[in-house]
C-alpha cells in the first residue's frame, strides 16, 4: 500500500534522511521515497504492509522537525 504525503520545511539531503528514518521506524513501513522540493512541499511516498496510523505518521514527521501540509 502507498500513502502519499506532502511535507513542508525540507531543504536538503539531511532533511530527507531525517524524515525517512522516522517514517521507517513505524511498524509496517517497508520503504520511503522522497521527492525533495526545497522551499516548498516535498512529496513523500510511504510504502507499507497496510494502512498507516495517521497519528504515528504525524508524530514521525514532527519528531524529524517538519510539518505535514
PDB file of N, CA and C in Angstrom:
ATOM      1  N   UNK A   1       0.851  -1.179   0.000  1.00  0.00           N
ATOM      2  CA  UNK A   1       0.000   0.000   0.000  1.00  0.00           C
ATOM      3  C   UNK A   1       0.892   1.237   0.000  1.00  0.00           C
ATOM      4  N   UNK A   2       0.485   2.251  -0.759  1.00  0.00           N
ATOM      5  CA  UNK A   2       1.254   3.503  -0.794  1.00  0.00           C
ATOM      6  C   UNK A   2       0.432   4.639  -0.213  1.00  0.00           C
ATOM      7  N   UNK A   3       1.064   5.386   0.692  1.00  0.00           N
ATOM      8  CA  UNK A   3       0.461   6.574   1.284  1.00  0.00           C
ATOM      9  C   UNK A   3       1.277   7.768   0.818  1.00  0.00           C
ATOM     10  N   UNK A   4       0.617   8.760   0.229  1.00  0.00           N
ATOM     11  CA  UNK A   4       1.310   9.944  -0.270  1.00  0.00           C
ATOM     12  C   UNK A   4       1.123  11.104   0.697  1.00  0.00           C
ATOM     13  N   UNK A   5       2.232  11.726   1.046  1.00  0.00           N
ATOM     14  CA  UNK A   5       2.229  12.850   1.984  1.00  0.00           C
ATOM     15  C   UNK A   5       2.899  14.045   1.335  1.00  0.00           C
ATOM     16  N   UNK A   6       2.613  15.226   1.847  1.00  0.00           N
ATOM     17  CA  UNK A   6       3.339  16.432   1.470  1.00  0.00           C
ATOM     18  C   UNK A   6       3.895  17.012   2.759  1.00  0.00           C
ATOM     19  N   UNK A   7       5.220  17.199   2.773  1.00  0.00           N
ATOM     20  CA  UNK A   7       5.909  17.665   3.973  1.00  0.00           C
ATOM     21  C   UNK A   7       6.567  19.001   3.673  1.00  0.00           C
ATOM     22  N   UNK A   8       6.347  19.981   4.549  1.00  0.00           N
ATOM     23  CA  UNK A   8       6.978  21.286   4.327  1.00  0.00           C
ATOM     24  C   UNK A   8       8.142  21.488   5.272  1.00  0.00           C
ATOM     25  N   UNK A   9       9.115  22.271   4.784  1.00  0.00           N
ATOM     26  CA  UNK A   9      10.274  22.611   5.593  1.00  0.00           C
ATOM     27  C   UNK A   9      11.537  21.849   5.238  1.00  0.00           C
ATOM     28  N   UNK A  10      11.445  20.869   4.356  1.00  0.00           N
ATOM     29  CA  UNK A  10      12.622  20.094   3.966  1.00  0.00           C
ATOM     30  C   UNK A  10      13.409  20.864   2.907  1.00  0.00           C
ATOM     31  N   UNK A  11      14.739  20.948   3.085  1.00  0.00           N
ATOM     32  CA  UNK A  11      15.547  21.739   2.146  1.00  0.00           C
ATOM     33  C   UNK A  11      16.771  21.008   1.607  1.00  0.00           C
ATOM     34  N   UNK A  12      17.130  19.838   2.175  1.00  0.00           N
ATOM     35  CA  UNK A  12      18.394  19.202   1.782  1.00  0.00           C
ATOM     36  C   UNK A  12      18.358  17.696   2.011  1.00  0.00           C
ATOM     37  N   UNK A  13      19.454  17.057   1.671  1.00  0.00           N
ATOM     38  CA  UNK A  13      19.567  15.619   1.851  1.00  0.00           C
ATOM     39  C   UNK A  13      19.459  15.185   3.298  1.00  0.00           C
ATOM     40  N   UNK A  14      19.972  16.003   4.219  1.00  0.00           N
ATOM     41  CA  UNK A  14      19.850  15.668   5.639  1.00  0.00           C
ATOM     42  C   UNK A  14      18.379  15.628   6.051  1.00  0.00           C
ATOM     43  N   UNK A  15      17.593  16.553   5.535  1.00  0.00           N
ATOM     44  CA  UNK A  15      16.157  16.584   5.820  1.00  0.00           C
ATOM     45  C   UNK A  15      15.499  15.290   5.344  1.00  0.00           C
ATOM     46  N   UNK A  16      15.856  14.880   4.136  1.00  0.00           N
ATOM     47  CA  UNK A  16      15.309  13.647   3.564  1.00  0.00           C
ATOM     48  C   UNK A  16      15.664  12.456   4.453  1.00  0.00           C
ATOM     49  N   UNK A  17      16.914  12.395   4.906  1.00  0.00           N
ATOM     50  CA  UNK A  17      17.359  11.299   5.770  1.00  0.00           C
ATOM     51  C   UNK A  17      16.590  11.270   7.086  1.00  0.00           C
ATOM     52  N   UNK A  18      16.388  12.437   7.678  1.00  0.00           N
ATOM     53  CA  UNK A  18      15.687  12.513   8.967  1.00  0.00           C
ATOM     54  C   UNK A  18      14.247  12.033   8.836  1.00  0.00           C
ATOM     55  N   UNK A  19      13.549  12.496   7.810  1.00  0.00           N
ATOM     56  CA  UNK A  19      12.154  12.104   7.607  1.00  0.00           C
ATOM     57  C   UNK A  19      12.075  10.612   7.270  1.00  0.00           C
ATOM     58  N   UNK A  20      12.967  10.152   6.408  1.00  0.00           N
ATOM     59  CA  UNK A  20      12.969   8.729   6.021  1.00  0.00           C
ATOM     60  C   UNK A  20      13.186   7.835   7.235  1.00  0.00           C
ATOM     61  N   UNK A  21      14.158   8.186   8.074  1.00  0.00           N
ATOM     62  CA  UNK A  21      14.464   7.384   9.260  1.00  0.00           C
ATOM     63  C   UNK A  21      13.267   7.307  10.205  1.00  0.00           C
ATOM     64  N   UNK A  22      12.627   8.438  10.458  1.00  0.00           N
ATOM     65  CA  UNK A  22      11.488   8.447  11.385  1.00  0.00           C
ATOM     66  C   UNK A  22      10.300   7.653  10.828  1.00  0.00           C
ATOM     67  N   UNK A  23      10.032   7.799   9.529  1.00  0.00           N
ATOM     68  CA  UNK A  23       8.906   7.072   8.938  1.00  0.00           C
ATOM     69  C   UNK A  23       9.172   5.576   8.880  1.00  0.00           C
ATOM     70  N   UNK A  24      10.404   5.171   8.608  1.00  0.00           N
ATOM     71  CA  UNK A  24      10.731   3.742   8.542  1.00  0.00           C
ATOM     72  C   UNK A  24      10.625   3.067   9.900  1.00  0.00           C
ATOM     73  N   UNK A  25      10.632   3.848  10.971  1.00  0.00           N
ATOM     74  CA  UNK A  25      10.508   3.293  12.318  1.00  0.00           C
ATOM     75  C   UNK A  25       9.067   2.888  12.647  1.00  0.00           C
ATOM     76  N   UNK A  26       8.111   3.307  11.824  1.00  0.00           N
ATOM     77  CA  UNK A  26       6.704   2.953  12.047  1.00  0.00           C
ATOM     78  C   UNK A  26       6.493   1.500  11.627  1.00  0.00           C
ATOM     79  N   UNK A  27       5.797   0.735  12.472  1.00  0.00           N
ATOM     80  CA  UNK A  27       5.514  -0.666  12.160  1.00  0.00           C
ATOM     81  C   UNK A  27       4.796  -0.790  10.820  1.00  0.00           C
ATOM     82  N   UNK A  28       5.275  -1.710   9.992  1.00  0.00           N
ATOM     83  CA  UNK A  28       4.636  -1.984   8.715  1.00  0.00           C
ATOM     84  C   UNK A  28       5.203  -1.203   7.540  1.00  0.00           C
ATOM     85  N   UNK A  29       6.027  -0.178   7.803  1.00  0.00           N
ATOM     86  CA  UNK A  29       6.598   0.615   6.708  1.00  0.00           C
ATOM     87  C   UNK A  29       7.739  -0.172   6.077  1.00  0.00           C
ATOM     88  N   UNK A  30       7.653  -0.346   4.761  1.00  0.00           N
ATOM     89  CA  UNK A  30       8.680  -1.088   4.021  1.00  0.00           C
ATOM     90  C   UNK A  30       9.679  -0.157   3.348  1.00  0.00           C
ATOM     91  N   UNK A  31       9.196   0.976   2.826  1.00  0.00           N
ATOM     92  CA  UNK A  31      10.073   1.876   2.093  1.00  0.00           C
ATOM     93  C   UNK A  31       9.519   3.291   2.140  1.00  0.00           C
ATOM     94  N   UNK A  32      10.409   4.264   1.988  1.00  0.00           N
ATOM     95  CA  UNK A  32      10.034   5.674   1.943  1.00  0.00           C
ATOM     96  C   UNK A  32      10.774   6.293   0.766  1.00  0.00           C
ATOM     97  N   UNK A  33      10.032   6.993  -0.095  1.00  0.00           N
ATOM     98  CA  UNK A  33      10.619   7.664  -1.251  1.00  0.00           C
ATOM     99  C   UNK A  33      10.271   9.144  -1.160  1.00  0.00           C
ATOM    100  N   UNK A  34      11.284   9.991  -1.276  1.00  0.00           N
ATOM    101  CA  UNK A  34      11.089  11.431  -1.115  1.00  0.00           C
ATOM    102  C   UNK A  34      11.474  12.153  -2.403  1.00  0.00           C
ATOM    103  N   UNK A  35      10.574  13.022  -2.855  1.00  0.00           N
ATOM    104  CA  UNK A  35      10.850  13.933  -3.972  1.00  0.00           C
ATOM    105  C   UNK A  35      11.027  15.311  -3.344  1.00  0.00           C
ATOM    106  N   UNK A  36      12.286  15.678  -3.088  1.00  0.00           N
ATOM    107  CA  UNK A  36      12.601  16.918  -2.375  1.00  0.00           C
ATOM    108  C   UNK A  36      12.262  18.150  -3.211  1.00  0.00           C
ATOM    109  N   UNK A  37      11.489  19.054  -2.614  1.00  0.00           N
ATOM    110  CA  UNK A  37      11.162  20.341  -3.228  1.00  0.00           C
ATOM    111  C   UNK A  37      11.582  21.412  -2.218  1.00  0.00           C
ATOM    112  N   UNK A  38      12.843  21.904  -2.323  1.00  0.00           N
ATOM    113  CA  UNK A  38      13.306  22.919  -1.370  1.00  0.00           C
ATOM    114  C   UNK A  38      12.387  24.140  -1.384  1.00  0.00           C
ATOM    115  N   UNK A  39      12.119  24.668  -0.196  1.00  0.00           N
ATOM    116  CA  UNK A  39      11.260  25.852  -0.050  1.00  0.00           C
ATOM    117  C   UNK A  39       9.841  25.611  -0.544  1.00  0.00           C
ATOM    118  N   UNK A  40       9.397  24.366  -0.483  1.00  0.00           N
ATOM    119  CA  UNK A  40       8.028  24.057  -0.904  1.00  0.00           C
ATOM    120  C   UNK A  40       7.555  22.795  -0.216  1.00  0.00           C
ATOM    121  N   UNK A  41       6.584  22.161  -0.799  1.00  0.00           N
ATOM    122  CA  UNK A  41       6.041  20.923  -0.253  1.00  0.00           C
ATOM    123  C   UNK A  41       6.694  19.721  -0.915  1.00  0.00           C
ATOM    124  N   UNK A  42       7.536  19.027  -0.173  1.00  0.00           N
ATOM    125  CA  UNK A  42       8.185  17.826  -0.699  1.00  0.00           C
ATOM    126  C   UNK A  42       7.198  16.666  -0.681  1.00  0.00           C
ATOM    127  N   UNK A  43       7.202  15.883  -1.753  1.00  0.00           N
ATOM    128  CA  UNK A  43       6.305  14.749  -1.852  1.00  0.00           C
ATOM    129  C   UNK A  43       6.992  13.516  -1.260  1.00  0.00           C
ATOM    130  N   UNK A  44       6.270  12.843  -0.368  1.00  0.00           N
ATOM    131  CA  UNK A  44       6.809  11.677   0.314  1.00  0.00           C
ATOM    132  C   UNK A  44       5.841  10.508   0.097  1.00  0.00           C
ATOM    133  N   UNK A  45       6.356   9.423  -0.472  1.00  0.00           N
ATOM    134  CA  UNK A  45       5.567   8.207  -0.670  1.00  0.00           C
ATOM    135  C   UNK A  45       6.024   7.176   0.353  1.00  0.00           C
ATOM    136  N   UNK A  46       5.069   6.669   1.133  1.00  0.00           N
ATOM    137  CA  UNK A  46       5.381   5.669   2.153  1.00  0.00           C
ATOM    138  C   UNK A  46       4.761   4.345   1.711  1.00  0.00           C
ATOM    139  N   UNK A  47       5.594   3.341   1.515  1.00  0.00           N
ATOM    140  CA  UNK A  47       5.138   2.016   1.111  1.00  0.00           C
ATOM    141  C   UNK A  47       5.031   1.169   2.378  1.00  0.00           C
ATOM    142  N   UNK A  48       3.852   0.585   2.589  1.00  0.00           N
ATOM    143  CA  UNK A  48       3.631  -0.155   3.829  1.00  0.00           C
ATOM    144  C   UNK A  48       2.810  -1.421   3.576  1.00  0.00           C
ATOM    145  N   UNK A  49       2.793  -2.272   4.595  1.00  0.00           N
ATOM    146  CA  UNK A  49       2.031  -3.518   4.530  1.00  0.00           C
ATOM    147  C   UNK A  49       0.528  -3.269   4.492  1.00  0.00           C
ATOM    148  N   UNK A  50       0.087  -2.179   5.087  1.00  0.00           N
ATOM    149  CA  UNK A  50      -1.335  -1.867   5.169  1.00  0.00           C
ATOM    150  C   UNK A  50      -1.514  -0.407   5.528  1.00  0.00           C
ATOM    151  N   UNK A  51      -2.742  -0.027   5.888  1.00  0.00           N
ATOM    152  CA  UNK A  51      -2.994   1.370   6.252  1.00  0.00           C
ATOM    153  C   UNK A  51      -2.134   1.800   7.439  1.00  0.00           C
ATOM    154  N   UNK A  52      -1.691   3.046   7.382  1.00  0.00           N
ATOM    155  CA  UNK A  52      -0.855   3.591   8.456  1.00  0.00           C
ATOM    156  C   UNK A  52      -1.690   4.370   9.448  1.00  0.00           C
ATOM    157  N   UNK A  53      -1.268   4.346  10.701  1.00  0.00           N
ATOM    158  CA  UNK A  53      -1.911   5.135  11.742  1.00  0.00           C
ATOM    159  C   UNK A  53      -1.541   6.603  11.513  1.00  0.00           C
ATOM    160  N   UNK A  54      -2.548   7.446  11.272  1.00  0.00           N
ATOM    161  CA  UNK A  54      -2.283   8.861  10.973  1.00  0.00           C
ATOM    162  C   UNK A  54      -1.516   9.545  12.095  1.00  0.00           C
ATOM    163  N   UNK A  55      -1.835   9.209  13.329  1.00  0.00           N
ATOM    164  CA  UNK A  55      -1.150   9.800  14.470  1.00  0.00           C
ATOM    165  C   UNK A  55       0.326   9.442  14.490  1.00  0.00           C
ATOM    166  N   UNK A  56       0.648   8.204  14.131  1.00  0.00           N
ATOM    167  CA  UNK A  56       2.043   7.769  14.097  1.00  0.00           C
ATOM    168  C   UNK A  56       2.804   8.495  12.990  1.00  0.00           C
ATOM    169  N   UNK A  57       2.152   8.697  11.858  1.00  0.00           N
ATOM    170  CA  UNK A  57       2.783   9.407  10.741  1.00  0.00           C
ATOM    171  C   UNK A  57       3.049  10.856  11.133  1.00  0.00           C
ATOM    172  N   UNK A  58       2.042  11.516  11.703  1.00  0.00           N
ATOM    173  CA  UNK A  58       2.207  12.908  12.134  1.00  0.00           C
ATOM    174  C   UNK A  58       3.302  13.032  13.180  1.00  0.00           C
ATOM    175  N   UNK A  59       3.354  12.088  14.128  1.00  0.00           N
ATOM    176  CA  UNK A  59       4.371  12.116  15.177  1.00  0.00           C
ATOM    177  C   UNK A  59       5.767  11.923  14.585  1.00  0.00           C
ATOM    178  N   UNK A  60       5.902  11.054  13.588  1.00  0.00           N
ATOM    179  CA  UNK A  60       7.200  10.807  12.958  1.00  0.00           C
ATOM    180  C   UNK A  60       7.695  12.049  12.228  1.00  0.00           C
ATOM    181  N   UNK A  61       6.802  12.705  11.499  1.00  0.00           N
ATOM    182  CA  UNK A  61       7.177  13.921  10.769  1.00  0.00           C
ATOM    183  C   UNK A  61       7.558  15.017  11.768  1.00  0.00           C
ATOM    184  N   UNK A  62       6.786  15.140  12.843  1.00  0.00           N
ATOM    185  CA  UNK A  62       7.066  16.138  13.876  1.00  0.00           C
ATOM    186  C   UNK A  62       8.407  15.853  14.557  1.00  0.00           C
ATOM    187  N   UNK A  63       8.670  14.589  14.854  1.00  0.00           N
ATOM    188  CA  UNK A  63       9.927  14.198  15.502  1.00  0.00           C
ATOM    189  C   UNK A  63      11.126  14.551  14.626  1.00  0.00           C
ATOM    190  N   UNK A  64      10.943  14.445  13.306  1.00  0.00           N
ATOM    191  CA  UNK A  64      12.023  14.790  12.370  1.00  0.00           C
ATOM    192  C   UNK A  64      12.194  16.307  12.271  1.00  0.00           C
ATOM    193  N   UNK A  65      11.194  17.069  12.756  1.00  0.00           N
ATOM    194  CA  UNK A  65      11.309  18.529  12.751  1.00  0.00           C
ATOM    195  C   UNK A  65      10.587  19.223  11.618  1.00  0.00           C
ATOM    196  N   UNK A  66       9.614  18.533  11.009  1.00  0.00           N
ATOM    197  CA  UNK A  66       8.910  19.107   9.852  1.00  0.00           C
ATOM    198  C   UNK A  66       7.405  19.030  10.066  1.00  0.00           C
ATOM    199  N   UNK A  67       6.658  19.527   9.086  1.00  0.00           N
ATOM    200  CA  UNK A  67       5.202  19.566   9.201  1.00  0.00           C
ATOM    201  C   UNK A  67       4.555  18.966   7.966  1.00  0.00           C
ATOM    202  N   UNK A  68       3.410  18.310   8.190  1.00  0.00           N
ATOM    203  CA  UNK A  68       2.595  17.840   7.069  1.00  0.00           C
ATOM    204  C   UNK A  68       1.801  19.010   6.518  1.00  0.00           C
ATOM    205  N   UNK A  69       1.642  19.059   5.212  1.00  0.00           N
ATOM    206  CA  UNK A  69       0.766  20.055   4.582  1.00  0.00           C
ATOM    207  C   UNK A  69      -0.652  19.603   4.743  1.00  0.00           C
TER     208      UNK A  69
END
